Amino acid sequence: MKTFTPAEIEIKVVAFLKQNPDGVLEVLGATASGKTEYSRWLATWIKQTLKKSVEIISVDSRQIFCHTDIASAKIPPHQRHGLTYHGLDLKNPDESYNVVDFQTYAFQTIATIQQRGHIPLLCGGTMLWLDAVSENYAFSTNKNTKSTKKNPPRFPTLKIGLHWKRTKLYQRIDRRATDQFEQGLIEETKKIREKFPKLTHSAFTSFGYQEVHAYLVGTLTLTEAPALNRKRNRKYAKRQLTWWRGREEVLWLETKKFSFDSVKEKRL
């Protein structure tokens, strides 16, 4: 896999946006890879460097649900640094929502952002949803399967992937899973289950809810629940990386050369 330094990515972003006024940026990567932080940094850097505003569209099949803030690692309002976010809190956890619904929403949102003269930035790790938008998939009646047919793309897209060595990625996954339990995942799960007793499959399978539910009903201990959560997250990361393997159009950022700590200092 060919990787690029942060400076090389910046050069390619500038060239892409100059050549494609209707272009869309996309930041992808495995769970816990830092997509949210990097997207926020990139949007701020573009504003400061090119004097163009960026609006971020979350492409996450869990973050579309209200009240799932901890389980879905949703960026809280106080960390958005004045940026505009879309794709968050679109549905209640007992309402259904699929890839075709999101594709329609994303196309409409991108068009609206571009009408304002701003740059759309897709950010997420839900693989099928990302491809459905950037590659304009056509779907059959089975709306949750990958399409074998693609319509012509609606817009040019520059895809940036976050690359970590597997051991480092797993460390980040384990740390985030631990943090989520410490931040109140158990209480969030209780509230969700009480308010929405009939969760959709997509909402209930958000990482953490199944494990906490098992703990609450006594089938897992408080030690086993986080451990299983970490295991499920690592397995999902493998699936994500397999999905994107061999994608020559993705510019893989060498994350070890990017300071994620500097993201916290950026402001618009």
Protein backbone atom coordinates (compact mmCIF):
# COMPACT_ATOMS: atom_id res chain seq x y z
CA MET A 1 0.00 0.00 0.00
CA LYS A 2 1.37 3.39 -1.00
CA THR A 3 1.04 6.01 1.71
CA PHE A 4 1.39 9.77 1.69
CA THR A 5 2.68 12.30 4.20
CA PRO A 6 0.32 15.00 5.50
CA ALA A 7 2.10 17.59 3.33
CA GLU A 8 1.66 15.44 0.21
CA ILE A 9 -2.05 15.03 0.99
CA GLU A 10 -2.43 18.78 1.39
CA ILE A 11 -0.86 19.39 -2.05
CA LYS A 12 -3.25 16.89 -3.63
CA VAL A 13 -6.26 18.44 -1.90
CA VAL A 14 -5.38 21.91 -3.18
CA ALA A 15 -4.86 20.63 -6.74
CA PHE A 16 -8.09 18.63 -6.67
CA LEU A 17 -10.22 21.52 -5.46
CA LYS A 18 -8.72 23.91 -8.01
CA GLN A 19 -9.35 21.45 -10.85
CA ASN A 20 -12.80 20.40 -9.61
CA PRO A 21 -14.97 23.26 -8.34
CA ASP A 22 -17.78 20.74 -7.82
CA GLY A 23 -15.49 18.22 -6.15
CA VAL A 24 -16.31 16.32 -2.96
CA LEU A 25 -13.75 15.25 -0.37
CA GLU A 26 -14.01 11.92 1.41
CA VAL A 27 -12.22 10.77 4.58
CA LEU A 28 -12.47 7.06 5.29
CA GLY A 29 -10.83 4.52 7.54
CA ALA A 30 -11.33 1.83 10.11
CA THR A 31 -13.20 2.41 13.34
CA ALA A 32 -11.21 4.48 15.86
CA SER A 33 -8.70 5.52 13.20
CA GLY A 34 -9.22 9.24 13.80
CA LYS A 35 -11.53 10.13 10.90
CA THR A 36 -13.49 12.67 12.92
CA GLU A 37 -10.39 14.43 14.18
CA TYR A 38 -8.65 14.48 10.81
CA SER A 39 -11.76 15.71 8.97
CA ARG A 40 -12.15 18.52 11.46
CA TRP A 41 -8.50 19.46 11.02
CA LEU A 42 -8.73 19.28 7.22
CA ALA A 43 -11.85 21.45 7.09
CA THR A 44 -10.17 24.06 9.28
CA TRP A 45 -6.96 23.94 7.23
CA ILE A 46 -8.89 24.46 3.98
CA LYS A 47 -10.69 27.44 5.49
CA GLN A 48 -7.42 28.99 6.61
CA THR A 49 -5.44 28.14 3.48
CA LEU A 50 -7.94 28.39 0.62
CA LYS A 51 -10.50 30.67 2.31
CA LYS A 52 -13.24 28.16 1.48
CA SER A 53 -15.79 26.79 3.93
CA VAL A 54 -16.20 23.04 4.35
CA GLU A 55 -19.30 21.26 5.63
CA ILE A 56 -18.93 17.72 6.94
CA ILE A 57 -21.38 14.91 6.21
CA SER A 58 -21.13 12.01 8.64
CA VAL A 59 -21.38 8.68 6.83
CA ASP A 60 -22.07 6.40 9.78
CA SER A 61 -25.02 4.01 10.02
CA ARG A 62 -25.08 4.43 13.82
CA GLN A 63 -24.60 8.17 14.16
CA ILE A 64 -27.79 8.81 12.21
CA PHE A 65 -29.71 7.76 15.36
CA CYS A 66 -30.55 10.26 18.09
CA HIS A 67 -29.39 9.58 21.67
CA THR A 68 -26.61 7.16 20.60
CA ASP A 69 -23.87 9.65 21.37
CA ILE A 70 -21.41 7.48 23.30
CA ALA A 71 -21.95 4.18 21.50
CA SER A 72 -21.52 5.72 18.05
CA ALA A 73 -18.63 8.01 19.11
CA LYS A 74 -20.61 10.99 17.84
CA ILE A 75 -18.72 14.27 17.91
CA PRO A 76 -20.27 16.48 20.63
CA PRO A 77 -21.29 20.06 19.76
CA HIS A 78 -18.52 21.64 21.86
CA GLN A 79 -15.88 19.82 19.81
CA ARG A 80 -17.14 20.85 16.37
CA HIS A 81 -15.12 24.09 16.35
CA GLY A 82 -17.75 26.08 14.51
CA LEU A 83 -18.02 23.61 11.62
CA THR A 84 -21.34 22.56 10.12
CA TYR A 85 -22.15 18.85 10.41
CA HIS A 86 -24.78 16.82 8.59
CA GLY A 87 -25.90 13.20 8.88
CA LEU A 88 -26.24 13.19 12.67
CA ASP A 89 -29.44 12.51 14.65
CA LEU A 90 -31.63 11.92 11.60
CA LYS A 91 -33.82 9.20 13.13
CA ASN A 92 -34.90 7.80 16.46
CA PRO A 93 -33.39 4.40 17.34
CA ASP A 94 -36.71 2.63 16.75
CA GLU A 95 -37.02 3.94 13.18
CA SER A 96 -35.60 2.19 10.14
CA TYR A 97 -33.06 3.74 7.79
CA ASN A 98 -31.08 2.08 5.02
CA VAL A 99 -28.37 2.77 2.48
CA VAL A 100 -30.82 4.01 -0.16
CA ASP A 101 -32.34 6.47 2.32
CA PHE A 102 -28.88 7.78 3.11
CA GLN A 103 -27.80 7.95 -0.53
CA THR A 104 -30.81 10.15 -1.29
CA TYR A 105 -30.13 12.31 1.77
CA ALA A 106 -26.45 12.68 0.91
CA PHE A 107 -27.06 13.68 -2.70
CA GLN A 108 -29.54 16.34 -1.58
CA THR A 109 -27.21 17.60 1.15
CA ILE A 110 -24.20 17.77 -1.16
CA ALA A 111 -26.20 19.78 -3.70
CA THR A 112 -27.33 22.22 -0.99
CA ILE A 113 -23.78 22.65 0.33
CA GLN A 114 -22.46 23.33 -3.16
CA GLN A 115 -25.23 25.86 -3.79
CA ARG A 116 -23.85 27.80 -0.85
CA GLY A 117 -20.43 27.74 -2.50
CA HIS A 118 -19.02 25.44 0.18
CA ILE A 119 -17.11 22.17 -0.07
CA PRO A 120 -18.80 18.91 1.00
CA LEU A 121 -16.65 16.47 2.97
CA LEU A 122 -17.89 12.91 3.48
CA CYS A 123 -16.49 11.39 6.67
CA GLY A 124 -17.16 7.90 7.93
CA GLY A 125 -16.50 4.21 7.99
CA THR A 126 -19.77 2.66 6.83
CA MET A 127 -18.30 1.18 3.69
CA LEU A 128 -21.39 0.54 1.58
CA TRP A 129 -22.87 3.94 2.36
CA LEU A 130 -19.68 5.74 1.34
CA ASP A 131 -19.47 3.88 -1.96
CA ALA A 132 -23.19 4.31 -2.61
CA VAL A 133 -22.67 8.07 -2.62
CA SER A 134 -19.24 8.53 -4.20
CA GLU A 135 -19.68 5.79 -6.81
CA ASN A 136 -23.42 6.32 -7.31
CA TYR A 137 -24.55 2.73 -6.81
CA ALA A 138 -27.84 1.58 -8.25
CA PHE A 139 -29.74 -0.72 -5.88
CA SER A 140 -32.18 -3.52 -6.41
CA THR A 141 -35.05 -4.31 -4.05
CA ASN A 142 -32.53 -5.68 -1.54
CA LYS A 143 -31.42 -2.27 -0.37
CA ASN A 144 -28.74 -3.34 2.07
CA THR A 145 -26.54 -5.31 -0.31
CA LYS A 146 -23.78 -4.00 -2.48
CA SER A 147 -24.96 -3.14 -5.95
CA THR A 148 -23.32 -4.63 -9.01
CA LYS A 149 -24.43 -1.66 -11.10
CA LYS A 150 -23.04 1.85 -10.92
CA ASN A 151 -24.49 4.93 -12.50
CA PRO A 152 -22.11 7.63 -13.70
CA PRO A 153 -20.66 9.49 -10.66
CA ARG A 154 -22.51 12.66 -9.79
CA PHE A 155 -19.32 14.48 -8.84
CA PRO A 156 -15.55 13.95 -8.70
CA THR A 157 -14.34 12.67 -5.34
CA LEU A 158 -10.94 12.77 -3.66
CA LYS A 159 -10.69 9.89 -1.19
CA ILE A 160 -8.32 10.08 1.77
CA GLY A 161 -7.85 7.01 3.95
CA LEU A 162 -6.23 6.87 7.39
CA HIS A 163 -3.55 4.21 7.58
CA TRP A 164 -2.32 2.71 10.86
CA LYS A 165 -0.20 -0.30 11.60
CA ARG A 166 -2.54 -3.02 12.82
CA THR A 167 -1.12 -3.12 16.35
CA LYS A 168 -1.47 0.64 16.79
CA LEU A 169 -5.01 0.61 15.40
CA TYR A 170 -6.01 -2.11 17.86
CA GLN A 171 -4.55 -0.07 20.70
CA ARG A 172 -6.71 2.88 19.65
CA ILE A 173 -9.77 0.62 19.41
CA ASP A 174 -9.18 -0.82 22.88
CA ARG A 175 -8.63 2.63 24.38
CA ARG A 176 -11.81 4.05 22.87
CA ALA A 177 -13.88 1.07 23.98
CA THR A 178 -12.58 1.50 27.53
CA ASP A 179 -13.26 5.25 27.40
CA GLN A 180 -16.85 4.67 26.29
CA PHE A 181 -17.61 2.53 29.32
CA GLU A 182 -16.00 5.13 31.58
CA GLN A 183 -17.96 7.95 29.89
CA GLY A 184 -21.34 6.39 30.67
CA LEU A 185 -22.14 3.76 28.05
CA ILE A 186 -24.06 1.68 30.59
CA GLU A 187 -26.32 4.58 31.53
CA GLU A 188 -26.83 5.52 27.88
CA THR A 189 -27.85 1.94 27.11
CA LYS A 190 -30.35 1.91 29.99
CA LYS A 191 -31.93 5.17 28.83
CA ILE A 192 -32.12 4.04 25.20
CA ARG A 193 -33.74 0.72 26.15
CA GLU A 194 -36.26 2.45 28.41
CA LYS A 195 -37.23 5.15 25.92
CA PHE A 196 -37.14 2.95 22.81
CA PRO A 197 -38.00 -0.65 23.79
CA LYS A 198 -38.24 -1.68 20.14
CA LEU A 199 -34.83 -0.69 18.80
CA THR A 200 -34.09 -1.38 15.17
CA HIS A 201 -31.42 -3.97 14.45
CA SER A 202 -29.03 -1.26 13.25
CA ALA A 203 -29.38 0.74 16.46
CA PHE A 204 -29.15 -2.23 18.82
CA THR A 205 -26.04 -3.60 17.12
CA SER A 206 -24.14 -0.35 17.71
CA PHE A 207 -20.92 -1.35 19.41
CA GLY A 208 -21.49 -1.49 23.14
CA TYR A 209 -25.26 -1.82 23.38
CA GLN A 210 -25.34 -5.58 22.94
CA GLU A 211 -22.54 -6.08 25.44
CA VAL A 212 -24.07 -3.74 28.02
CA HIS A 213 -27.48 -5.36 27.58
CA ALA A 214 -25.88 -8.75 28.19
CA TYR A 215 -24.27 -7.35 31.33
CA LEU A 216 -27.56 -5.88 32.55
CA VAL A 217 -29.40 -9.19 32.16
CA GLY A 218 -26.55 -11.08 33.79
CA THR A 219 -25.09 -13.08 30.91
CA LEU A 220 -21.81 -11.11 30.91
CA THR A 221 -19.79 -9.69 33.78
CA LEU A 222 -18.60 -6.10 33.94
CA THR A 223 -15.18 -7.37 32.91
CA GLU A 224 -16.44 -9.54 30.05
CA ALA A 225 -18.67 -6.86 28.47
CA PRO A 226 -15.89 -4.37 27.60
CA ALA A 227 -13.63 -7.22 26.49
CA LEU A 228 -16.25 -8.50 24.06
CA ASN A 229 -16.85 -4.95 22.85
CA ARG A 230 -13.15 -4.54 22.05
CA LYS A 231 -13.14 -7.87 20.22
CA ARG A 232 -16.17 -6.91 18.09
CA ASN A 233 -14.60 -3.57 17.20
CA ARG A 234 -11.36 -5.22 16.09
CA LYS A 235 -13.31 -7.68 13.95
CA TYR A 236 -15.22 -4.82 12.34
CA ALA A 237 -11.97 -2.98 11.62
CA LYS A 238 -10.72 -6.05 9.75
CA ARG A 239 -13.86 -6.04 7.60
CA GLN A 240 -13.44 -2.36 6.82
CA LEU A 241 -9.82 -2.74 5.81
CA THR A 242 -10.66 -5.75 3.65
CA TRP A 243 -13.35 -3.72 1.88
CA TRP A 244 -10.87 -1.00 0.91
CA ARG A 245 -7.93 -3.26 0.15
CA GLY A 246 -6.53 -2.65 -3.31
CA ARG A 247 -8.40 0.64 -3.86
CA GLU A 248 -5.91 2.58 -5.94
CA GLU A 249 -8.02 5.73 -5.86
CA VAL A 250 -7.62 6.08 -2.09
CA LEU A 251 -4.78 8.31 -0.87
CA TRP A 252 -3.65 6.65 2.35
CA LEU A 253 -2.39 9.13 4.94
CA GLU A 254 0.60 7.94 6.96
CA THR A 255 -0.96 8.77 10.31
CA LYS A 256 2.25 8.34 12.32
CA LYS A 257 3.44 11.55 10.64
CA PHE A 258 0.28 13.48 11.53
CA SER A 259 -0.13 15.02 14.97
CA PHE A 260 -3.66 14.32 16.15
CA ASP A 261 -2.89 16.31 19.29
CA SER A 262 -2.65 19.45 17.14
CA VAL A 263 -6.28 19.00 16.11
CA LYS A 264 -7.48 20.15 19.51
CA GLU A 265 -5.81 23.52 19.03
CA LYS A 266 -7.40 24.33 15.67
CA ARG A 267 -10.24 26.84 15.57
CA LEU A 268 -12.03 28.59 12.73
